[in-house]
Each structure stands twice: as C-alpha cells, then as structure tokens.
Amino acid sequence: MEPVVVMDTILVVRPREVQFKWSFDKVAGTVSNTGNTWFKLLIKPGCDSTEEEGDAWYLRPGDVVRQPALRQPGEPLSGL
C-alpha cells in the first residue's frame, strides 16, 4: 500500500475597487466583514504575545466571527 498525497488550491481574487470595511460589537463579541474583500483577523492574548499564541481567521465578505475573547478588555496602550 502506497501513501496518497492530496493537495488543494484556492484562488483568491480581489475586486478592482476594494472596500475594506468591518464592524466590531464588543457586547456580542463579534467582528463582521462588511466590505467586499477578505482580511485576516488575529486575536492575541496580549500585545507582547506571538501570532502562534493567538487565534486567526480569514474573513470573506459577509463572514462573522463570534468569540468570547472579543468581549474582554484589551491591554492599555503605553509608550505613546
């Protein structure tokens, strides 16, 4: 029995006129992509944490991410 390898490809095309829009609802803990293109949402446990310590999603137009972490307060900005 020989191993089988399957590879998939996704072609992503952006529109000519990109409308990057999103909305954040802290009470509901949601981020919505209300534009016409995709973007990457990254939720990290703190400002000094790495991307590997966080969670990431690619949101297509119309996608919504619901996460309890989005209801939590962020770290205060310092050094500004």
PDB file of N, CA and C in Angstrom:
ATOM      1  N   MET A   1       0.853  -1.181   0.000  1.00  0.00           N
ATOM      2  CA  MET A   1       0.000   0.000   0.000  1.00  0.00           C
ATOM      3  C   MET A   1       0.896   1.240   0.000  1.00  0.00           C
ATOM      4  N   GLU A   2       0.673   2.138  -0.943  1.00  0.00           N
ATOM      5  CA  GLU A   2       1.479   3.347  -1.050  1.00  0.00           C
ATOM      6  C   GLU A   2       0.698   4.540  -0.505  1.00  0.00           C
ATOM      7  N   PRO A   3       1.410   5.515   0.085  1.00  0.00           N
ATOM      8  CA  PRO A   3       0.715   6.703   0.608  1.00  0.00           C
ATOM      9  C   PRO A   3       0.143   7.550  -0.526  1.00  0.00           C
ATOM     10  N   VAL A   4      -0.927   8.233  -0.218  1.00  0.00           N
ATOM     11  CA  VAL A   4      -1.572   9.121  -1.179  1.00  0.00           C
ATOM     12  C   VAL A   4      -1.493  10.540  -0.635  1.00  0.00           C
ATOM     13  N   VAL A   5      -1.063  11.465  -1.479  1.00  0.00           N
ATOM     14  CA  VAL A   5      -0.973  12.872  -1.095  1.00  0.00           C
ATOM     15  C   VAL A   5      -1.981  13.659  -1.920  1.00  0.00           C
ATOM     16  N   VAL A   6      -2.795  14.455  -1.247  1.00  0.00           N
ATOM     17  CA  VAL A   6      -3.789  15.283  -1.924  1.00  0.00           C
ATOM     18  C   VAL A   6      -3.493  16.737  -1.607  1.00  0.00           C
ATOM     19  N   MET A   7      -3.434  17.559  -2.640  1.00  0.00           N
ATOM     20  CA  MET A   7      -3.193  18.996  -2.449  1.00  0.00           C
ATOM     21  C   MET A   7      -4.351  19.764  -3.073  1.00  0.00           C
ATOM     22  N   ASP A   8      -4.839  20.766  -2.356  1.00  0.00           N
ATOM     23  CA  ASP A   8      -5.902  21.628  -2.861  1.00  0.00           C
ATOM     24  C   ASP A   8      -5.367  23.035  -3.016  1.00  0.00           C
ATOM     25  N   THR A   9      -5.948  23.771  -3.933  1.00  0.00           N
ATOM     26  CA  THR A   9      -5.565  25.160  -4.162  1.00  0.00           C
ATOM     27  C   THR A   9      -6.815  26.018  -4.136  1.00  0.00           C
ATOM     28  N   ILE A  10      -6.694  27.184  -3.519  1.00  0.00           N
ATOM     29  CA  ILE A  10      -7.787  28.150  -3.507  1.00  0.00           C
ATOM     30  C   ILE A  10      -7.292  29.406  -4.204  1.00  0.00           C
ATOM     31  N   LEU A  11      -8.008  29.851  -5.215  1.00  0.00           N
ATOM     32  CA  LEU A  11      -7.663  31.079  -5.927  1.00  0.00           C
ATOM     33  C   LEU A  11      -8.456  32.224  -5.313  1.00  0.00           C
ATOM     34  N   VAL A  12      -7.753  33.240  -4.842  1.00  0.00           N
ATOM     35  CA  VAL A  12      -8.401  34.396  -4.226  1.00  0.00           C
ATOM     36  C   VAL A  12      -8.185  35.598  -5.132  1.00  0.00           C
ATOM     37  N   VAL A  13      -9.270  36.231  -5.540  1.00  0.00           N
ATOM     38  CA  VAL A  13      -9.201  37.398  -6.414  1.00  0.00           C
ATOM     39  C   VAL A  13      -9.868  38.560  -5.702  1.00  0.00           C
ATOM     40  N   ARG A  14      -9.168  39.684  -5.630  1.00  0.00           N
ATOM     41  CA  ARG A  14      -9.753  40.881  -5.028  1.00  0.00           C
ATOM     42  C   ARG A  14     -10.464  41.694  -6.112  1.00  0.00           C
ATOM     43  N   PRO A  15     -11.536  42.409  -5.737  1.00  0.00           N
ATOM     44  CA  PRO A  15     -12.226  43.259  -6.714  1.00  0.00           C
ATOM     45  C   PRO A  15     -11.360  44.450  -7.119  1.00  0.00           C
ATOM     46  N   ARG A  16     -11.672  45.053  -8.252  1.00  0.00           N
ATOM     47  CA  ARG A  16     -10.903  46.221  -8.723  1.00  0.00           C
ATOM     48  C   ARG A  16     -10.975  47.370  -7.729  1.00  0.00           C
ATOM     49  N   GLU A  17     -12.158  47.600  -7.188  1.00  0.00           N
ATOM     50  CA  GLU A  17     -12.334  48.668  -6.202  1.00  0.00           C
ATOM     51  C   GLU A  17     -12.556  48.018  -4.839  1.00  0.00           C
ATOM     52  N   VAL A  18     -11.489  47.923  -4.066  1.00  0.00           N
ATOM     53  CA  VAL A  18     -11.550  47.277  -2.757  1.00  0.00           C
ATOM     54  C   VAL A  18     -12.239  48.195  -1.754  1.00  0.00           C
ATOM     55  N   GLN A  19     -13.218  47.650  -1.056  1.00  0.00           N
ATOM     56  CA  GLN A  19     -13.900  48.374   0.023  1.00  0.00           C
ATOM     57  C   GLN A  19     -13.652  47.591   1.308  1.00  0.00           C
ATOM     58  N   PHE A  20     -12.594  47.985   2.010  1.00  0.00           N
ATOM     59  CA  PHE A  20     -12.231  47.316   3.257  1.00  0.00           C
ATOM     60  C   PHE A  20     -13.074  47.910   4.377  1.00  0.00           C
ATOM     61  N   LYS A  21     -14.065  47.139   4.852  1.00  0.00           N
ATOM     62  CA  LYS A  21     -14.950  47.601   5.924  1.00  0.00           C
ATOM     63  C   LYS A  21     -15.195  46.447   6.885  1.00  0.00           C
ATOM     64  N   TRP A  22     -15.276  46.787   8.148  1.00  0.00           N
ATOM     65  CA  TRP A  22     -15.561  45.784   9.165  1.00  0.00           C
ATOM     66  C   TRP A  22     -16.303  46.455  10.300  1.00  0.00           C
ATOM     67  N   SER A  23     -16.978  45.653  11.120  1.00  0.00           N
ATOM     68  CA  SER A  23     -17.651  46.193  12.302  1.00  0.00           C
ATOM     69  C   SER A  23     -17.324  45.302  13.496  1.00  0.00           C
ATOM     70  N   PHE A  24     -17.226  45.939  14.652  1.00  0.00           N
ATOM     71  CA  PHE A  24     -16.884  45.250  15.895  1.00  0.00           C
ATOM     72  C   PHE A  24     -17.974  45.533  16.905  1.00  0.00           C
ATOM     73  N   ASP A  25     -18.559  44.481  17.473  1.00  0.00           N
ATOM     74  CA  ASP A  25     -19.579  44.601  18.510  1.00  0.00           C
ATOM     75  C   ASP A  25     -19.017  43.960  19.775  1.00  0.00           C
ATOM     76  N   LYS A  26     -18.551  44.792  20.709  1.00  0.00           N
ATOM     77  CA  LYS A  26     -17.921  44.285  21.930  1.00  0.00           C
ATOM     78  C   LYS A  26     -18.918  43.545  22.814  1.00  0.00           C
ATOM     79  N   VAL A  27     -20.156  44.015  22.872  1.00  0.00           N
ATOM     80  CA  VAL A  27     -21.174  43.373  23.714  1.00  0.00           C
ATOM     81  C   VAL A  27     -21.464  41.955  23.214  1.00  0.00           C
ATOM     82  N   ALA A  28     -21.606  41.805  21.905  1.00  0.00           N
ATOM     83  CA  ALA A  28     -21.891  40.489  21.325  1.00  0.00           C
ATOM     84  C   ALA A  28     -20.626  39.656  21.139  1.00  0.00           C
ATOM     85  N   GLY A  29     -19.459  40.304  21.152  1.00  0.00           N
ATOM     86  CA  GLY A  29     -18.201  39.593  20.921  1.00  0.00           C
ATOM     87  C   GLY A  29     -18.039  39.152  19.484  1.00  0.00           C
ATOM     88  N   THR A  30     -18.390  40.061  18.539  1.00  0.00           N
ATOM     89  CA  THR A  30     -18.324  39.705  17.123  1.00  0.00           C
ATOM     90  C   THR A  30     -17.519  40.713  16.314  1.00  0.00           C
ATOM     91  N   VAL A  31     -16.890  40.211  15.267  1.00  0.00           N
ATOM     92  CA  VAL A  31     -16.280  41.034  14.225  1.00  0.00           C
ATOM     93  C   VAL A  31     -16.895  40.568  12.916  1.00  0.00           C
ATOM     94  N   SER A  32     -17.410  41.521  12.126  1.00  0.00           N
ATOM     95  CA  SER A  32     -18.069  41.203  10.861  1.00  0.00           C
ATOM     96  C   SER A  32     -17.326  41.853   9.707  1.00  0.00           C
ATOM     97  N   ASN A  33     -17.191  41.133   8.615  1.00  0.00           N
ATOM     98  CA  ASN A  33     -16.611  41.695   7.402  1.00  0.00           C
ATOM     99  C   ASN A  33     -17.757  42.252   6.569  1.00  0.00           C
ATOM    100  N   THR A  34     -17.888  43.574   6.536  1.00  0.00           N
ATOM    101  CA  THR A  34     -18.967  44.225   5.803  1.00  0.00           C
ATOM    102  C   THR A  34     -18.488  44.818   4.486  1.00  0.00           C
ATOM    103  N   GLY A  35     -17.245  44.569   4.127  1.00  0.00           N
ATOM    104  CA  GLY A  35     -16.687  45.075   2.874  1.00  0.00           C
ATOM    105  C   GLY A  35     -16.838  44.067   1.748  1.00  0.00           C
ATOM    106  N   ASN A  36     -16.054  44.293   0.686  1.00  0.00           N
ATOM    107  CA  ASN A  36     -16.136  43.407  -0.474  1.00  0.00           C
ATOM    108  C   ASN A  36     -14.851  42.611  -0.708  1.00  0.00           C
ATOM    109  N   THR A  37     -13.985  42.532   0.302  1.00  0.00           N
ATOM    110  CA  THR A  37     -12.744  41.773   0.183  1.00  0.00           C
ATOM    111  C   THR A  37     -12.451  41.045   1.492  1.00  0.00           C
ATOM    112  N   TRP A  38     -11.533  40.120   1.453  1.00  0.00           N
ATOM    113  CA  TRP A  38     -11.196  39.339   2.640  1.00  0.00           C
ATOM    114  C   TRP A  38     -10.162  40.062   3.488  1.00  0.00           C
ATOM    115  N   PHE A  39     -10.078  39.671   4.755  1.00  0.00           N
ATOM    116  CA  PHE A  39      -8.987  40.121   5.612  1.00  0.00           C
ATOM    117  C   PHE A  39      -8.734  39.069   6.683  1.00  0.00           C
ATOM    118  N   LYS A  40      -7.579  39.181   7.317  1.00  0.00           N
ATOM    119  CA  LYS A  40      -7.196  38.241   8.373  1.00  0.00           C
ATOM    120  C   LYS A  40      -7.442  38.900   9.720  1.00  0.00           C
ATOM    121  N   LEU A  41      -8.189  38.225  10.581  1.00  0.00           N
ATOM    122  CA  LEU A  41      -8.443  38.682  11.945  1.00  0.00           C
ATOM    123  C   LEU A  41      -7.552  37.874  12.873  1.00  0.00           C
ATOM    124  N   LEU A  42      -6.795  38.565  13.708  1.00  0.00           N
ATOM    125  CA  LEU A  42      -5.892  37.909  14.652  1.00  0.00           C
ATOM    126  C   LEU A  42      -6.242  38.372  16.054  1.00  0.00           C
ATOM    127  N   ILE A  43      -6.578  37.433  16.939  1.00  0.00           N
ATOM    128  CA  ILE A  43      -6.874  37.729  18.341  1.00  0.00           C
ATOM    129  C   ILE A  43      -5.748  37.136  19.171  1.00  0.00           C
ATOM    130  N   LYS A  44      -5.010  38.006  19.855  1.00  0.00           N
ATOM    131  CA  LYS A  44      -3.888  37.558  20.679  1.00  0.00           C
ATOM    132  C   LYS A  44      -4.209  37.794  22.147  1.00  0.00           C
ATOM    133  N   PRO A  45      -3.637  36.969  23.043  1.00  0.00           N
ATOM    134  CA  PRO A  45      -3.910  37.137  24.473  1.00  0.00           C
ATOM    135  C   PRO A  45      -3.288  38.396  25.067  1.00  0.00           C
ATOM    136  N   GLY A  46      -2.337  39.011  24.403  1.00  0.00           N
ATOM    137  CA  GLY A  46      -1.700  40.233  24.892  1.00  0.00           C
ATOM    138  C   GLY A  46      -0.847  40.854  23.807  1.00  0.00           C
ATOM    139  N   CYS A  47      -0.480  42.106  24.002  1.00  0.00           N
ATOM    140  CA  CYS A  47       0.307  42.823  22.997  1.00  0.00           C
ATOM    141  C   CYS A  47       1.675  42.188  22.758  1.00  0.00           C
ATOM    142  N   ASP A  48       2.269  41.623  23.792  1.00  0.00           N
ATOM    143  CA  ASP A  48       3.605  41.040  23.666  1.00  0.00           C
ATOM    144  C   ASP A  48       3.586  39.574  23.247  1.00  0.00           C
ATOM    145  N   SER A  49       2.421  39.005  23.038  1.00  0.00           N
ATOM    146  CA  SER A  49       2.339  37.598  22.647  1.00  0.00           C
ATOM    147  C   SER A  49       2.580  37.455  21.142  1.00  0.00           C
ATOM    148  N   THR A  50       2.926  36.246  20.733  1.00  0.00           N
ATOM    149  CA  THR A  50       3.206  35.981  19.324  1.00  0.00           C
ATOM    150  C   THR A  50       1.926  35.593  18.587  1.00  0.00           C
ATOM    151  N   GLU A  51       2.014  35.586  17.253  1.00  0.00           N
ATOM    152  CA  GLU A  51       0.863  35.165  16.459  1.00  0.00           C
ATOM    153  C   GLU A  51       0.491  33.717  16.755  1.00  0.00           C
ATOM    154  N   GLU A  52       1.493  32.898  17.051  1.00  0.00           N
ATOM    155  CA  GLU A  52       1.239  31.490  17.341  1.00  0.00           C
ATOM    156  C   GLU A  52       0.431  31.308  18.620  1.00  0.00           C
ATOM    157  N   GLU A  53       0.502  32.261  19.528  1.00  0.00           N
ATOM    158  CA  GLU A  53      -0.251  32.179  20.782  1.00  0.00           C
ATOM    159  C   GLU A  53      -1.691  32.648  20.612  1.00  0.00           C
ATOM    160  N   GLY A  54      -1.993  33.253  19.483  1.00  0.00           N
ATOM    161  CA  GLY A  54      -3.332  33.768  19.236  1.00  0.00           C
ATOM    162  C   GLY A  54      -4.137  32.858  18.320  1.00  0.00           C
ATOM    163  N   ASP A  55      -5.311  33.333  17.954  1.00  0.00           N
ATOM    164  CA  ASP A  55      -6.186  32.637  17.015  1.00  0.00           C
ATOM    165  C   ASP A  55      -6.378  33.533  15.804  1.00  0.00           C
ATOM    166  N   ALA A  56      -6.452  32.935  14.619  1.00  0.00           N
ATOM    167  CA  ALA A  56      -6.579  33.715  13.391  1.00  0.00           C
ATOM    168  C   ALA A  56      -7.679  33.138  12.507  1.00  0.00           C
ATOM    169  N   TRP A  57      -8.362  34.022  11.808  1.00  0.00           N
ATOM    170  CA  TRP A  57      -9.400  33.657  10.849  1.00  0.00           C
ATOM    171  C   TRP A  57      -9.240  34.526   9.611  1.00  0.00           C
ATOM    172  N   TYR A  58      -9.525  33.960   8.447  1.00  0.00           N
ATOM    173  CA  TYR A  58      -9.633  34.729   7.212  1.00  0.00           C
ATOM    174  C   TYR A  58     -11.120  34.951   6.987  1.00  0.00           C
ATOM    175  N   LEU A  59     -11.545  36.208   7.031  1.00  0.00           N
ATOM    176  CA  LEU A  59     -12.957  36.530   6.879  1.00  0.00           C
ATOM    177  C   LEU A  59     -13.247  36.958   5.449  1.00  0.00           C
ATOM    178  N   ARG A  60     -14.127  36.221   4.795  1.00  0.00           N
ATOM    179  CA  ARG A  60     -14.604  36.604   3.473  1.00  0.00           C
ATOM    180  C   ARG A  60     -15.732  37.617   3.649  1.00  0.00           C
ATOM    181  N   PRO A  61     -16.105  38.333   2.591  1.00  0.00           N
ATOM    182  CA  PRO A  61     -17.217  39.279   2.710  1.00  0.00           C
ATOM    183  C   PRO A  61     -18.462  38.589   3.272  1.00  0.00           C
ATOM    184  N   GLY A  62     -19.038  39.190   4.302  1.00  0.00           N
ATOM    185  CA  GLY A  62     -20.233  38.641   4.936  1.00  0.00           C
ATOM    186  C   GLY A  62     -19.958  37.706   6.103  1.00  0.00           C
ATOM    187  N   ASP A  63     -18.715  37.278   6.285  1.00  0.00           N
ATOM    188  CA  ASP A  63     -18.383  36.379   7.394  1.00  0.00           C
ATOM    189  C   ASP A  63     -18.420  37.112   8.733  1.00  0.00           C
ATOM    190  N   VAL A  64     -18.765  36.374   9.790  1.00  0.00           N
ATOM    191  CA  VAL A  64     -18.805  36.907  11.149  1.00  0.00           C
ATOM    192  C   VAL A  64     -18.066  35.935  12.062  1.00  0.00           C
ATOM    193  N   VAL A  65     -17.204  36.468  12.929  1.00  0.00           N
ATOM    194  CA  VAL A  65     -16.522  35.659  13.942  1.00  0.00           C
ATOM    195  C   VAL A  65     -17.101  36.028  15.295  1.00  0.00           C
ATOM    196  N   ARG A  66     -17.535  35.009  16.055  1.00  0.00           N
ATOM    197  CA  ARG A  66     -18.049  35.210  17.415  1.00  0.00           C
ATOM    198  C   ARG A  66     -17.094  34.521  18.379  1.00  0.00           C
ATOM    199  N   GLN A  67     -16.491  35.295  19.271  1.00  0.00           N
ATOM    200  CA  GLN A  67     -15.537  34.744  20.230  1.00  0.00           C
ATOM    201  C   GLN A  67     -15.691  35.452  21.568  1.00  0.00           C
ATOM    202  N   PRO A  68     -15.744  34.715  22.675  1.00  0.00           N
ATOM    203  CA  PRO A  68     -15.817  35.344  23.995  1.00  0.00           C
ATOM    204  C   PRO A  68     -14.636  36.284  24.257  1.00  0.00           C
ATOM    205  N   ALA A  69     -13.474  35.991  23.682  1.00  0.00           N
ATOM    206  CA  ALA A  69     -12.292  36.843  23.890  1.00  0.00           C
ATOM    207  C   ALA A  69     -12.514  38.258  23.367  1.00  0.00           C
ATOM    208  N   LEU A  70     -13.418  38.427  22.402  1.00  0.00           N
ATOM    209  CA  LEU A  70     -13.690  39.759  21.852  1.00  0.00           C
ATOM    210  C   LEU A  70     -14.473  40.636  22.827  1.00  0.00           C
ATOM    211  N   ARG A  71     -15.050  40.038  23.864  1.00  0.00           N
ATOM    212  CA  ARG A  71     -15.776  40.815  24.880  1.00  0.00           C
ATOM    213  C   ARG A  71     -14.849  41.324  25.975  1.00  0.00           C
ATOM    214  N   GLN A  72     -13.647  40.790  26.047  1.00  0.00           N
ATOM    215  CA  GLN A  72     -12.704  41.144  27.110  1.00  0.00           C
ATOM    216  C   GLN A  72     -12.017  42.473  26.807  1.00  0.00           C
ATOM    217  N   PRO A  73     -11.656  43.227  27.852  1.00  0.00           N
ATOM    218  CA  PRO A  73     -10.915  44.474  27.617  1.00  0.00           C
ATOM    219  C   PRO A  73      -9.508  44.168  27.121  1.00  0.00           C
ATOM    220  N   GLY A  74      -8.991  45.035  26.275  1.00  0.00           N
ATOM    221  CA  GLY A  74      -7.626  44.884  25.780  1.00  0.00           C
ATOM    222  C   GLY A  74      -6.635  45.497  26.743  1.00  0.00           C
ATOM    223  N   GLU A  75      -5.359  45.331  26.428  1.00  0.00           N
ATOM    224  CA  GLU A  75      -4.307  45.930  27.246  1.00  0.00           C
ATOM    225  C   GLU A  75      -4.236  47.426  26.952  1.00  0.00           C
ATOM    226  N   PRO A  76      -3.986  48.247  27.972  1.00  0.00           N
ATOM    227  CA  PRO A  76      -3.852  49.687  27.724  1.00  0.00           C
ATOM    228  C   PRO A  76      -2.604  49.971  26.895  1.00  0.00           C
ATOM    229  N   LEU A  77      -2.693  50.990  26.048  1.00  0.00           N
ATOM    230  CA  LEU A  77      -1.548  51.390  25.233  1.00  0.00           C
ATOM    231  C   LEU A  77      -0.539  52.121  26.095  1.00  0.00           C
ATOM    232  N   SER A  78       0.721  51.845  25.872  1.00  0.00           N
ATOM    233  CA  SER A  78       1.765  52.543  26.621  1.00  0.00           C
ATOM    234  C   SER A  78       2.844  52.997  25.653  1.00  0.00           C
ATOM    235  N   GLY A  79       3.582  53.998  26.040  1.00  0.00           N
ATOM    236  CA  GLY A  79       4.683  54.489  25.225  1.00  0.00           C
ATOM    237  C   GLY A  79       4.262  55.371  24.070  1.00  0.00           C
ATOM    238  N   LEU A  80       3.057  55.895  24.110  1.00  0.00           N
ATOM    239  CA  LEU A  80       2.620  56.784  23.026  1.00  0.00           C
ATOM    240  C   LEU A  80       2.917  58.217  23.337  1.00  0.00           C
TER     241      LEU A  80
END
